[in-house]
Amino acid sequence: DLSVGSVAGFIGAVAAVMMVNWKIDPFLAGIACLALGAVIGGAQGYF
């Protein structure tokens, strides 16, 4: 898996937008980011 670094950076970016710009609760944002990471991994794993 060559994408782990980019996925980590992308999730950090999404977390920043959710917590800093949209003021979403950090706990909820963290759960959403973990779920998004699992979906990304699943999408690649599906192919």
PDB file of all heavy atoms in Angstrom:
ATOM      1  N   ASP A   1       0.852  -1.195   0.000  1.00  0.00           N
ATOM      2  CA  ASP A   1       0.000   0.000   0.000  1.00  0.00           C
ATOM      3  C   ASP A   1       0.884   1.240   0.000  1.00  0.00           C
ATOM      4  O   ASP A   1       1.508   1.577   0.994  1.00  0.00           O
ATOM      5  CB  ASP A   1      -0.921  -0.002   1.228  1.00  0.00           C
ATOM      6  CG  ASP A   1      -1.998   1.076   1.144  1.00  0.00           C
ATOM      7  OD1 ASP A   1      -1.852   1.991   0.307  1.00  0.00           O
ATOM      8  OD2 ASP A   1      -2.986   0.996   1.893  1.00  0.00           O
ATOM      9  N   LEU A   2       0.928   1.910  -1.153  1.00  0.00           N
ATOM     10  CA  LEU A   2       1.751   3.112  -1.307  1.00  0.00           C
ATOM     11  C   LEU A   2       1.003   4.386  -0.946  1.00  0.00           C
ATOM     12  O   LEU A   2       1.589   5.469  -0.960  1.00  0.00           O
ATOM     13  CB  LEU A   2       2.243   3.212  -2.753  1.00  0.00           C
ATOM     14  CG  LEU A   2       3.085   2.051  -3.287  1.00  0.00           C
ATOM     15  CD1 LEU A   2       3.432   2.280  -4.751  1.00  0.00           C
ATOM     16  CD2 LEU A   2       4.349   1.877  -2.472  1.00  0.00           C
ATOM     17  N   SER A   3      -0.270   4.260  -0.615  1.00  0.00           N
ATOM     18  CA  SER A   3      -1.102   5.458  -0.424  1.00  0.00           C
ATOM     19  C   SER A   3      -1.220   5.896   1.029  1.00  0.00           C
ATOM     20  O   SER A   3      -1.855   6.923   1.298  1.00  0.00           O
ATOM     21  CB  SER A   3      -2.510   5.200  -0.974  1.00  0.00           C
ATOM     22  OG  SER A   3      -3.201   4.258  -0.171  1.00  0.00           O
ATOM     23  N   VAL A   4      -0.637   5.157   1.976  1.00  0.00           N
ATOM     24  CA  VAL A   4      -0.908   5.424   3.396  1.00  0.00           C
ATOM     25  C   VAL A   4      -0.490   6.836   3.814  1.00  0.00           C
ATOM     26  O   VAL A   4      -1.176   7.479   4.610  1.00  0.00           O
ATOM     27  CB  VAL A   4      -0.232   4.369   4.298  1.00  0.00           C
ATOM     28  CG1 VAL A   4      -0.887   3.016   4.116  1.00  0.00           C
ATOM     29  CG2 VAL A   4       1.267   4.282   4.027  1.00  0.00           C
ATOM     30  N   GLY A   5       0.624   7.330   3.299  1.00  0.00           N
ATOM     31  CA  GLY A   5       1.065   8.676   3.647  1.00  0.00           C
ATOM     32  C   GLY A   5       0.094   9.731   3.148  1.00  0.00           C
ATOM     33  O   GLY A   5      -0.271  10.662   3.875  1.00  0.00           O
ATOM     34  N   SER A   6      -0.356   9.575   1.903  1.00  0.00           N
ATOM     35  CA  SER A   6      -1.301  10.541   1.327  1.00  0.00           C
ATOM     36  C   SER A   6      -2.654  10.476   2.019  1.00  0.00           C
ATOM     37  O   SER A   6      -3.297  11.508   2.244  1.00  0.00           O
ATOM     38  CB  SER A   6      -1.473  10.275  -0.172  1.00  0.00           C
ATOM     39  OG  SER A   6      -0.254  10.484  -0.855  1.00  0.00           O
ATOM     40  N   VAL A   7      -3.091   9.257   2.365  1.00  0.00           N
ATOM     41  CA  VAL A   7      -4.365   9.112   3.079  1.00  0.00           C
ATOM     42  C   VAL A   7      -4.277   9.773   4.450  1.00  0.00           C
ATOM     43  O   VAL A   7      -5.207  10.478   4.881  1.00  0.00           O
ATOM     44  CB  VAL A   7      -4.751   7.622   3.214  1.00  0.00           C
ATOM     45  CG1 VAL A   7      -5.963   7.462   4.131  1.00  0.00           C
ATOM     46  CG2 VAL A   7      -5.047   7.020   1.850  1.00  0.00           C
ATOM     47  N   ALA A   8      -3.161   9.571   5.147  1.00  0.00           N
ATOM     48  CA  ALA A   8      -2.971  10.204   6.459  1.00  0.00           C
ATOM     49  C   ALA A   8      -3.012  11.724   6.341  1.00  0.00           C
ATOM     50  O   ALA A   8      -3.655  12.411   7.145  1.00  0.00           O
ATOM     51  CB  ALA A   8      -1.650   9.756   7.071  1.00  0.00           C
ATOM     52  N   GLY A   9      -2.335  12.268   5.324  1.00  0.00           N
ATOM     53  CA  GLY A   9      -2.347  13.719   5.112  1.00  0.00           C
ATOM     54  C   GLY A   9      -3.730  14.235   4.755  1.00  0.00           C
ATOM     55  O   GLY A   9      -4.157  15.299   5.232  1.00  0.00           O
ATOM     56  N   PHE A  10      -4.445  13.471   3.924  1.00  0.00           N
ATOM     57  CA  PHE A  10      -5.804  13.867   3.518  1.00  0.00           C
ATOM     58  C   PHE A  10      -6.756  13.868   4.710  1.00  0.00           C
ATOM     59  O   PHE A  10      -7.563  14.798   4.885  1.00  0.00           O
ATOM     60  CB  PHE A  10      -6.309  12.921   2.431  1.00  0.00           C
ATOM     61  CG  PHE A  10      -7.760  13.098   2.087  1.00  0.00           C
ATOM     62  CD1 PHE A  10      -8.214  14.264   1.492  1.00  0.00           C
ATOM     63  CD2 PHE A  10      -8.687  12.093   2.366  1.00  0.00           C
ATOM     64  CE1 PHE A  10      -9.556  14.437   1.180  1.00  0.00           C
ATOM     65  CE2 PHE A  10     -10.020  12.255   2.062  1.00  0.00           C
ATOM     66  CZ  PHE A  10     -10.467  13.425   1.468  1.00  0.00           C
ATOM     67  N   ILE A  11      -6.670  12.842   5.551  1.00  0.00           N
ATOM     68  CA  ILE A  11      -7.545  12.767   6.724  1.00  0.00           C
ATOM     69  C   ILE A  11      -7.232  13.917   7.690  1.00  0.00           C
ATOM     70  O   ILE A  11      -8.147  14.508   8.294  1.00  0.00           O
ATOM     71  CB  ILE A  11      -7.384  11.410   7.430  1.00  0.00           C
ATOM     72  CG1 ILE A  11      -7.915  10.285   6.549  1.00  0.00           C
ATOM     73  CG2 ILE A  11      -8.087  11.414   8.783  1.00  0.00           C
ATOM     74  CD1 ILE A  11      -9.380  10.365   6.237  1.00  0.00           C
ATOM     75  N   GLY A  12      -5.951  14.246   7.847  1.00  0.00           N
ATOM     76  CA  GLY A  12      -5.591  15.396   8.680  1.00  0.00           C
ATOM     77  C   GLY A  12      -6.198  16.684   8.155  1.00  0.00           C
ATOM     78  O   GLY A  12      -6.663  17.535   8.935  1.00  0.00           O
ATOM     79  N   ALA A  13      -6.219  16.819   6.824  1.00  0.00           N
ATOM     80  CA  ALA A  13      -6.813  18.006   6.206  1.00  0.00           C
ATOM     81  C   ALA A  13      -8.318  18.057   6.446  1.00  0.00           C
ATOM     82  O   ALA A  13      -8.881  19.109   6.775  1.00  0.00           O
ATOM     83  CB  ALA A  13      -6.511  18.006   4.705  1.00  0.00           C
ATOM     84  N   VAL A  14      -8.986  16.916   6.275  1.00  0.00           N
ATOM     85  CA  VAL A  14     -10.431  16.849   6.513  1.00  0.00           C
ATOM     86  C   VAL A  14     -10.749  17.167   7.973  1.00  0.00           C
ATOM     87  O   VAL A  14     -11.693  17.908   8.277  1.00  0.00           O
ATOM     88  CB  VAL A  14     -10.973  15.455   6.133  1.00  0.00           C
ATOM     89  CG1 VAL A  14     -12.429  15.305   6.559  1.00  0.00           C
ATOM     90  CG2 VAL A  14     -10.840  15.215   4.631  1.00  0.00           C
ATOM     91  N   ALA A  15      -9.940  16.624   8.889  1.00  0.00           N
ATOM     92  CA  ALA A  15     -10.144  16.879  10.315  1.00  0.00           C
ATOM     93  C   ALA A  15     -10.014  18.370  10.627  1.00  0.00           C
ATOM     94  O   ALA A  15     -10.786  18.926  11.426  1.00  0.00           O
ATOM     95  CB  ALA A  15      -9.144  16.070  11.142  1.00  0.00           C
ATOM     96  N   ALA A  16      -9.030  19.017  10.000  1.00  0.00           N
ATOM     97  CA  ALA A  16      -8.828  20.454  10.234  1.00  0.00           C
ATOM     98  C   ALA A  16     -10.022  21.269   9.761  1.00  0.00           C
ATOM     99  O   ALA A  16     -10.492  22.180  10.459  1.00  0.00           O
ATOM    100  CB  ALA A  16      -7.553  20.910   9.527  1.00  0.00           C
ATOM    101  N   VAL A  17     -10.516  20.937   8.584  1.00  0.00           N
ATOM    102  CA  VAL A  17     -11.666  21.670   8.053  1.00  0.00           C
ATOM    103  C   VAL A  17     -12.890  21.462   8.949  1.00  0.00           C
ATOM    104  O   VAL A  17     -13.627  22.408   9.255  1.00  0.00           O
ATOM    105  CB  VAL A  17     -11.968  21.217   6.610  1.00  0.00           C
ATOM    106  CG1 VAL A  17     -13.301  21.794   6.131  1.00  0.00           C
ATOM    107  CG2 VAL A  17     -10.843  21.659   5.678  1.00  0.00           C
ATOM    108  N   MET A  18     -13.100  20.231   9.403  1.00  0.00           N
ATOM    109  CA  MET A  18     -14.268  19.926  10.229  1.00  0.00           C
ATOM    110  C   MET A  18     -14.190  20.603  11.594  1.00  0.00           C
ATOM    111  O   MET A  18     -15.176  21.169  12.079  1.00  0.00           O
ATOM    112  CB  MET A  18     -14.409  18.404  10.405  1.00  0.00           C
ATOM    113  CG  MET A  18     -14.730  17.661   9.115  1.00  0.00           C
ATOM    114  SD  MET A  18     -14.817  15.869   9.348  1.00  0.00           S
ATOM    115  CE  MET A  18     -16.342  15.722  10.271  1.00  0.00           C
ATOM    116  N   MET A  19     -13.011  20.551  12.221  1.00  0.00           N
ATOM    117  CA  MET A  19     -12.883  21.077  13.589  1.00  0.00           C
ATOM    118  C   MET A  19     -12.643  22.585  13.623  1.00  0.00           C
ATOM    119  O   MET A  19     -13.180  23.283  14.485  1.00  0.00           O
ATOM    120  CB  MET A  19     -11.736  20.362  14.320  1.00  0.00           C
ATOM    121  CG  MET A  19     -11.941  18.881  14.526  1.00  0.00           C
ATOM    122  SD  MET A  19     -10.560  18.144  15.442  1.00  0.00           S
ATOM    123  CE  MET A  19     -10.692  16.438  14.942  1.00  0.00           C
ATOM    124  N   VAL A  20     -11.807  23.078  12.707  1.00  0.00           N
ATOM    125  CA  VAL A  20     -11.417  24.492  12.750  1.00  0.00           C
ATOM    126  C   VAL A  20     -12.413  25.365  11.992  1.00  0.00           C
ATOM    127  O   VAL A  20     -12.887  26.384  12.510  1.00  0.00           O
ATOM    128  CB  VAL A  20      -9.995  24.679  12.183  1.00  0.00           C
ATOM    129  CG1 VAL A  20      -9.613  26.166  12.190  1.00  0.00           C
ATOM    130  CG2 VAL A  20      -8.981  23.868  12.982  1.00  0.00           C
ATOM    131  N   ASN A  21     -12.749  24.973  10.770  1.00  0.00           N
ATOM    132  CA  ASN A  21     -13.627  25.805   9.940  1.00  0.00           C
ATOM    133  C   ASN A  21     -15.106  25.594  10.252  1.00  0.00           C
ATOM    134  O   ASN A  21     -15.885  26.551  10.324  1.00  0.00           O
ATOM    135  CB  ASN A  21     -13.366  25.524   8.463  1.00  0.00           C
ATOM    136  CG  ASN A  21     -11.973  25.958   8.026  1.00  0.00           C
ATOM    137  OD1 ASN A  21     -11.260  26.616   8.778  1.00  0.00           O
ATOM    138  ND2 ASN A  21     -11.576  25.591   6.815  1.00  0.00           N
ATOM    139  N   TRP A  22     -15.498  24.326  10.411  1.00  0.00           N
ATOM    140  CA  TRP A  22     -16.916  24.026  10.617  1.00  0.00           C
ATOM    141  C   TRP A  22     -17.295  23.908  12.093  1.00  0.00           C
ATOM    142  O   TRP A  22     -18.477  23.745  12.405  1.00  0.00           O
ATOM    143  CB  TRP A  22     -17.286  22.734   9.888  1.00  0.00           C
ATOM    144  CG  TRP A  22     -17.109  22.809   8.403  1.00  0.00           C
ATOM    145  CD1 TRP A  22     -16.879  23.930   7.652  1.00  0.00           C
ATOM    146  CD2 TRP A  22     -17.162  21.718   7.489  1.00  0.00           C
ATOM    147  NE1 TRP A  22     -16.770  23.606   6.332  1.00  0.00           N
ATOM    148  CE2 TRP A  22     -16.949  22.251   6.186  1.00  0.00           C
ATOM    149  CE3 TRP A  22     -17.363  20.349   7.607  1.00  0.00           C
ATOM    150  CZ2 TRP A  22     -16.926  21.456   5.057  1.00  0.00           C
ATOM    151  CZ3 TRP A  22     -17.351  19.540   6.478  1.00  0.00           C
ATOM    152  CH2 TRP A  22     -17.131  20.089   5.218  1.00  0.00           C
ATOM    153  N   LYS A  23     -16.309  23.945  12.991  1.00  0.00           N
ATOM    154  CA  LYS A  23     -16.537  23.907  14.444  1.00  0.00           C
ATOM    155  C   LYS A  23     -17.279  22.646  14.905  1.00  0.00           C
ATOM    156  O   LYS A  23     -18.064  22.665  15.845  1.00  0.00           O
ATOM    157  CB  LYS A  23     -17.331  25.142  14.908  1.00  0.00           C
ATOM    158  CG  LYS A  23     -16.759  26.473  14.454  1.00  0.00           C
ATOM    159  CD  LYS A  23     -15.350  26.699  14.985  1.00  0.00           C
ATOM    160  CE  LYS A  23     -14.810  28.048  14.532  1.00  0.00           C
ATOM    161  NZ  LYS A  23     -13.414  28.271  14.975  1.00  0.00           N
ATOM    162  N   ILE A  24     -17.031  21.535  14.241  1.00  0.00           N
ATOM    163  CA  ILE A  24     -17.641  20.266  14.642  1.00  0.00           C
ATOM    164  C   ILE A  24     -16.918  19.722  15.871  1.00  0.00           C
ATOM    165  O   ILE A  24     -15.697  19.867  16.023  1.00  0.00           O
ATOM    166  CB  ILE A  24     -17.590  19.250  13.479  1.00  0.00           C
ATOM    167  CG1 ILE A  24     -18.434  19.753  12.307  1.00  0.00           C
ATOM    168  CG2 ILE A  24     -18.062  17.871  13.914  1.00  0.00           C
ATOM    169  CD1 ILE A  24     -18.397  18.855  11.082  1.00  0.00           C
ATOM    170  N   ASP A  25     -17.659  19.070  16.750  1.00  0.00           N
ATOM    171  CA  ASP A  25     -17.080  18.494  17.965  1.00  0.00           C
ATOM    172  C   ASP A  25     -15.916  17.579  17.615  1.00  0.00           C
ATOM    173  O   ASP A  25     -16.042  16.729  16.714  1.00  0.00           O
ATOM    174  CB  ASP A  25     -18.153  17.701  18.712  1.00  0.00           C
ATOM    175  CG  ASP A  25     -17.611  17.058  19.971  1.00  0.00           C
ATOM    176  OD1 ASP A  25     -17.423  17.766  20.970  1.00  0.00           O
ATOM    177  OD2 ASP A  25     -17.360  15.827  19.932  1.00  0.00           O
ATOM    178  N   PRO A  26     -14.750  17.732  18.278  1.00  0.00           N
ATOM    179  CA  PRO A  26     -13.566  16.920  17.945  1.00  0.00           C
ATOM    180  C   PRO A  26     -13.806  15.417  18.006  1.00  0.00           C
ATOM    181  O   PRO A  26     -13.279  14.665  17.175  1.00  0.00           O
ATOM    182  CB  PRO A  26     -12.537  17.358  18.989  1.00  0.00           C
ATOM    183  CG  PRO A  26     -12.940  18.747  19.353  1.00  0.00           C
ATOM    184  CD  PRO A  26     -14.428  18.753  19.281  1.00  0.00           C
ATOM    185  N   PHE A  27     -14.593  14.966  18.972  1.00  0.00           N
ATOM    186  CA  PHE A  27     -14.856  13.532  19.086  1.00  0.00           C
ATOM    187  C   PHE A  27     -15.641  13.029  17.878  1.00  0.00           C
ATOM    188  O   PHE A  27     -15.291  12.013  17.277  1.00  0.00           O
ATOM    189  CB  PHE A  27     -15.622  13.235  20.376  1.00  0.00           C
ATOM    190  CG  PHE A  27     -15.941  11.781  20.573  1.00  0.00           C
ATOM    191  CD1 PHE A  27     -14.967  10.889  21.007  1.00  0.00           C
ATOM    192  CD2 PHE A  27     -17.220  11.298  20.309  1.00  0.00           C
ATOM    193  CE1 PHE A  27     -15.262   9.541  21.183  1.00  0.00           C
ATOM    194  CE2 PHE A  27     -17.523   9.955  20.479  1.00  0.00           C
ATOM    195  CZ  PHE A  27     -16.541   9.084  20.915  1.00  0.00           C
ATOM    196  N   LEU A  28     -16.695  13.733  17.518  1.00  0.00           N
ATOM    197  CA  LEU A  28     -17.503  13.335  16.364  1.00  0.00           C
ATOM    198  C   LEU A  28     -16.691  13.427  15.076  1.00  0.00           C
ATOM    199  O   LEU A  28     -16.794  12.557  14.196  1.00  0.00           O
ATOM    200  CB  LEU A  28     -18.751  14.208  16.272  1.00  0.00           C
ATOM    201  CG  LEU A  28     -19.759  14.085  17.419  1.00  0.00           C
ATOM    202  CD1 LEU A  28     -20.915  15.056  17.207  1.00  0.00           C
ATOM    203  CD2 LEU A  28     -20.272  12.656  17.523  1.00  0.00           C
ATOM    204  N   ALA A  29     -15.898  14.484  14.958  1.00  0.00           N
ATOM    205  CA  ALA A  29     -15.059  14.643  13.769  1.00  0.00           C
ATOM    206  C   ALA A  29     -14.040  13.521  13.675  1.00  0.00           C
ATOM    207  O   ALA A  29     -13.765  12.995  12.582  1.00  0.00           O
ATOM    208  CB  ALA A  29     -14.357  15.998  13.809  1.00  0.00           C
ATOM    209  N   GLY A  30     -13.469  13.131  14.816  1.00  0.00           N
ATOM    210  CA  GLY A  30     -12.499  12.040  14.822  1.00  0.00           C
ATOM    211  C   GLY A  30     -13.115  10.726  14.387  1.00  0.00           C
ATOM    212  O   GLY A  30     -12.521   9.986  13.586  1.00  0.00           O
ATOM    213  N   ILE A  31     -14.315  10.424  14.889  1.00  0.00           N
ATOM    214  CA  ILE A  31     -15.012   9.201  14.479  1.00  0.00           C
ATOM    215  C   ILE A  31     -15.297   9.219  12.983  1.00  0.00           C
ATOM    216  O   ILE A  31     -15.107   8.217  12.275  1.00  0.00           O
ATOM    217  CB  ILE A  31     -16.324   9.043  15.276  1.00  0.00           C
ATOM    218  CG1 ILE A  31     -16.035   8.851  16.767  1.00  0.00           C
ATOM    219  CG2 ILE A  31     -17.132   7.861  14.734  1.00  0.00           C
ATOM    220  CD1 ILE A  31     -15.265   7.610  17.105  1.00  0.00           C
ATOM    221  N   ALA A  32     -15.749  10.379  12.479  1.00  0.00           N
ATOM    222  CA  ALA A  32     -16.045  10.505  11.050  1.00  0.00           C
ATOM    223  C   ALA A  32     -14.786  10.309  10.205  1.00  0.00           C
ATOM    224  O   ALA A  32     -14.837   9.671   9.145  1.00  0.00           O
ATOM    225  CB  ALA A  32     -16.666  11.876  10.771  1.00  0.00           C
ATOM    226  N   CYS A  33     -13.660  10.830  10.677  1.00  0.00           N
ATOM    227  CA  CYS A  33     -12.399  10.693   9.935  1.00  0.00           C
ATOM    228  C   CYS A  33     -11.924   9.247   9.911  1.00  0.00           C
ATOM    229  O   CYS A  33     -11.414   8.763   8.887  1.00  0.00           O
ATOM    230  CB  CYS A  33     -11.337  11.595  10.556  1.00  0.00           C
ATOM    231  SG  CYS A  33     -11.567  13.357  10.223  1.00  0.00           S
ATOM    232  N   LEU A  34     -12.070   8.543  11.028  1.00  0.00           N
ATOM    233  CA  LEU A  34     -11.702   7.128  11.058  1.00  0.00           C
ATOM    234  C   LEU A  34     -12.575   6.322  10.100  1.00  0.00           C
ATOM    235  O   LEU A  34     -12.087   5.436   9.384  1.00  0.00           O
ATOM    236  CB  LEU A  34     -11.827   6.576  12.479  1.00  0.00           C
ATOM    237  CG  LEU A  34     -10.826   7.097  13.518  1.00  0.00           C
ATOM    238  CD1 LEU A  34     -11.140   6.520  14.892  1.00  0.00           C
ATOM    239  CD2 LEU A  34      -9.395   6.740  13.116  1.00  0.00           C
ATOM    240  N   ALA A  35     -13.876   6.637  10.084  1.00  0.00           N
ATOM    241  CA  ALA A  35     -14.786   5.955   9.163  1.00  0.00           C
ATOM    242  C   ALA A  35     -14.427   6.258   7.711  1.00  0.00           C
ATOM    243  O   ALA A  35     -14.448   5.367   6.848  1.00  0.00           O
ATOM    244  CB  ALA A  35     -16.225   6.377   9.454  1.00  0.00           C
ATOM    245  N   LEU A  36     -14.063   7.516   7.438  1.00  0.00           N
ATOM    246  CA  LEU A  36     -13.661   7.896   6.084  1.00  0.00           C
ATOM    247  C   LEU A  36     -12.397   7.141   5.668  1.00  0.00           C
ATOM    248  O   LEU A  36     -12.291   6.678   4.521  1.00  0.00           O
ATOM    249  CB  LEU A  36     -13.427   9.404   6.016  1.00  0.00           C
ATOM    250  CG  LEU A  36     -12.957   9.965   4.668  1.00  0.00           C
ATOM    251  CD1 LEU A  36     -13.965   9.644   3.569  1.00  0.00           C
ATOM    252  CD2 LEU A  36     -12.723  11.473   4.762  1.00  0.00           C
ATOM    253  N   GLY A  37     -11.447   7.013   6.587  1.00  0.00           N
ATOM    254  CA  GLY A  37     -10.239   6.254   6.279  1.00  0.00           C
ATOM    255  C   GLY A  37     -10.544   4.808   5.962  1.00  0.00           C
ATOM    256  O   GLY A  37      -9.964   4.223   5.023  1.00  0.00           O
ATOM    257  N   ALA A  38     -11.463   4.194   6.726  1.00  0.00           N
ATOM    258  CA  ALA A  38     -11.850   2.806   6.460  1.00  0.00           C
ATOM    259  C   ALA A  38     -12.523   2.676   5.091  1.00  0.00           C
ATOM    260  O   ALA A  38     -12.281   1.704   4.354  1.00  0.00           O
ATOM    261  CB  ALA A  38     -12.782   2.313   7.563  1.00  0.00           C
ATOM    262  N   VAL A  39     -13.353   3.658   4.731  1.00  0.00           N
ATOM    263  CA  VAL A  39     -14.017   3.647   3.422  1.00  0.00           C
ATOM    264  C   VAL A  39     -12.985   3.760   2.301  1.00  0.00           C
ATOM    265  O   VAL A  39     -13.072   3.060   1.277  1.00  0.00           O
ATOM    266  CB  VAL A  39     -15.047   4.789   3.332  1.00  0.00           C
ATOM    267  CG1 VAL A  39     -15.557   4.948   1.895  1.00  0.00           C
ATOM    268  CG2 VAL A  39     -16.208   4.526   4.275  1.00  0.00           C
ATOM    269  N   ILE A  40     -12.004   4.641   2.485  1.00  0.00           N
ATOM    270  CA  ILE A  40     -10.944   4.796   1.475  1.00  0.00           C
ATOM    271  C   ILE A  40     -10.177   3.487   1.308  1.00  0.00           C
ATOM    272  O   ILE A  40      -9.914   3.036   0.188  1.00  0.00           O
ATOM    273  CB  ILE A  40      -9.993   5.941   1.882  1.00  0.00           C
ATOM    274  CG1 ILE A  40     -10.706   7.286   1.768  1.00  0.00           C
ATOM    275  CG2 ILE A  40      -8.731   5.928   1.021  1.00  0.00           C
ATOM    276  CD1 ILE A  40      -9.913   8.451   2.345  1.00  0.00           C
ATOM    277  N   GLY A  41      -9.800   2.874   2.442  1.00  0.00           N
ATOM    278  CA  GLY A  41      -9.110   1.595   2.368  1.00  0.00           C
ATOM    279  C   GLY A  41      -9.960   0.530   1.709  1.00  0.00           C
ATOM    280  O   GLY A  41      -9.461  -0.263   0.890  1.00  0.00           O
ATOM    281  N   GLY A  42     -11.266   0.523   2.033  1.00  0.00           N
ATOM    282  CA  GLY A  42     -12.161  -0.450   1.430  1.00  0.00           C
ATOM    283  C   GLY A  42     -12.309  -0.250  -0.069  1.00  0.00           C
ATOM    284  O   GLY A  42     -12.384  -1.216  -0.835  1.00  0.00           O
ATOM    285  N   ALA A  43     -12.356   1.004  -0.509  1.00  0.00           N
ATOM    286  CA  ALA A  43     -12.475   1.289  -1.938  1.00  0.00           C
ATOM    287  C   ALA A  43     -11.267   0.761  -2.709  1.00  0.00           C
ATOM    288  O   ALA A  43     -11.409   0.147  -3.775  1.00  0.00           O
ATOM    289  CB  ALA A  43     -12.632   2.793  -2.157  1.00  0.00           C
ATOM    290  N   GLN A  44     -10.083   0.980  -2.148  1.00  0.00           N
ATOM    291  CA  GLN A  44      -8.874   0.473  -2.806  1.00  0.00           C
ATOM    292  C   GLN A  44      -8.821  -1.049  -2.735  1.00  0.00           C
ATOM    293  O   GLN A  44      -8.450  -1.721  -3.713  1.00  0.00           O
ATOM    294  CB  GLN A  44      -7.633   1.093  -2.149  1.00  0.00           C
ATOM    295  CG  GLN A  44      -7.536   2.588  -2.344  1.00  0.00           C
ATOM    296  CD  GLN A  44      -6.238   3.170  -1.834  1.00  0.00           C
ATOM    297  OE1 GLN A  44      -5.511   3.851  -2.556  1.00  0.00           O
ATOM    298  NE2 GLN A  44      -5.924   2.936  -0.569  1.00  0.00           N
ATOM    299  N   GLY A  45      -9.188  -1.590  -1.569  1.00  0.00           N
ATOM    300  CA  GLY A  45      -9.185  -3.037  -1.413  1.00  0.00           C
ATOM    301  C   GLY A  45     -10.171  -3.723  -2.332  1.00  0.00           C
ATOM    302  O   GLY A  45      -9.935  -4.851  -2.777  1.00  0.00           O
ATOM    303  N   TYR A  46     -11.286  -3.062  -2.644  1.00  0.00           N
ATOM    304  CA  TYR A  46     -12.288  -3.644  -3.542  1.00  0.00           C
ATOM    305  C   TYR A  46     -11.706  -3.881  -4.937  1.00  0.00           C
ATOM    306  O   TYR A  46     -11.907  -4.942  -5.536  1.00  0.00           O
ATOM    307  CB  TYR A  46     -13.503  -2.720  -3.628  1.00  0.00           C
ATOM    308  CG  TYR A  46     -14.652  -3.301  -4.417  1.00  0.00           C
ATOM    309  CD1 TYR A  46     -15.544  -4.183  -3.830  1.00  0.00           C
ATOM    310  CD2 TYR A  46     -14.846  -2.962  -5.761  1.00  0.00           C
ATOM    311  CE1 TYR A  46     -16.609  -4.725  -4.552  1.00  0.00           C
ATOM    312  CE2 TYR A  46     -15.896  -3.493  -6.488  1.00  0.00           C
ATOM    313  CZ  TYR A  46     -16.766  -4.376  -5.878  1.00  0.00           C
ATOM    314  OH  TYR A  46     -17.806  -4.921  -6.600  1.00  0.00           O
ATOM    315  N   PHE A  47     -10.973  -2.890  -5.442  1.00  0.00           N
ATOM    316  CA  PHE A  47     -10.359  -3.046  -6.764  1.00  0.00           C
ATOM    317  C   PHE A  47      -9.283  -4.134  -6.754  1.00  0.00           C
ATOM    318  O   PHE A  47      -9.145  -4.890  -7.717  1.00  0.00           O
ATOM    319  CB  PHE A  47      -9.759  -1.722  -7.227  1.00  0.00           C
ATOM    320  CG  PHE A  47     -10.777  -0.716  -7.660  1.00  0.00           C
ATOM    321  CD1 PHE A  47     -11.068   0.382  -6.867  1.00  0.00           C
ATOM    322  CD2 PHE A  47     -11.462  -0.863  -8.857  1.00  0.00           C
ATOM    323  CE1 PHE A  47     -12.014   1.316  -7.261  1.00  0.00           C
ATOM    324  CE2 PHE A  47     -12.407   0.066  -9.265  1.00  0.00           C
ATOM    325  CZ  PHE A  47     -12.692   1.157  -8.454  1.00  0.00           C
TER     326      PHE A  47
END
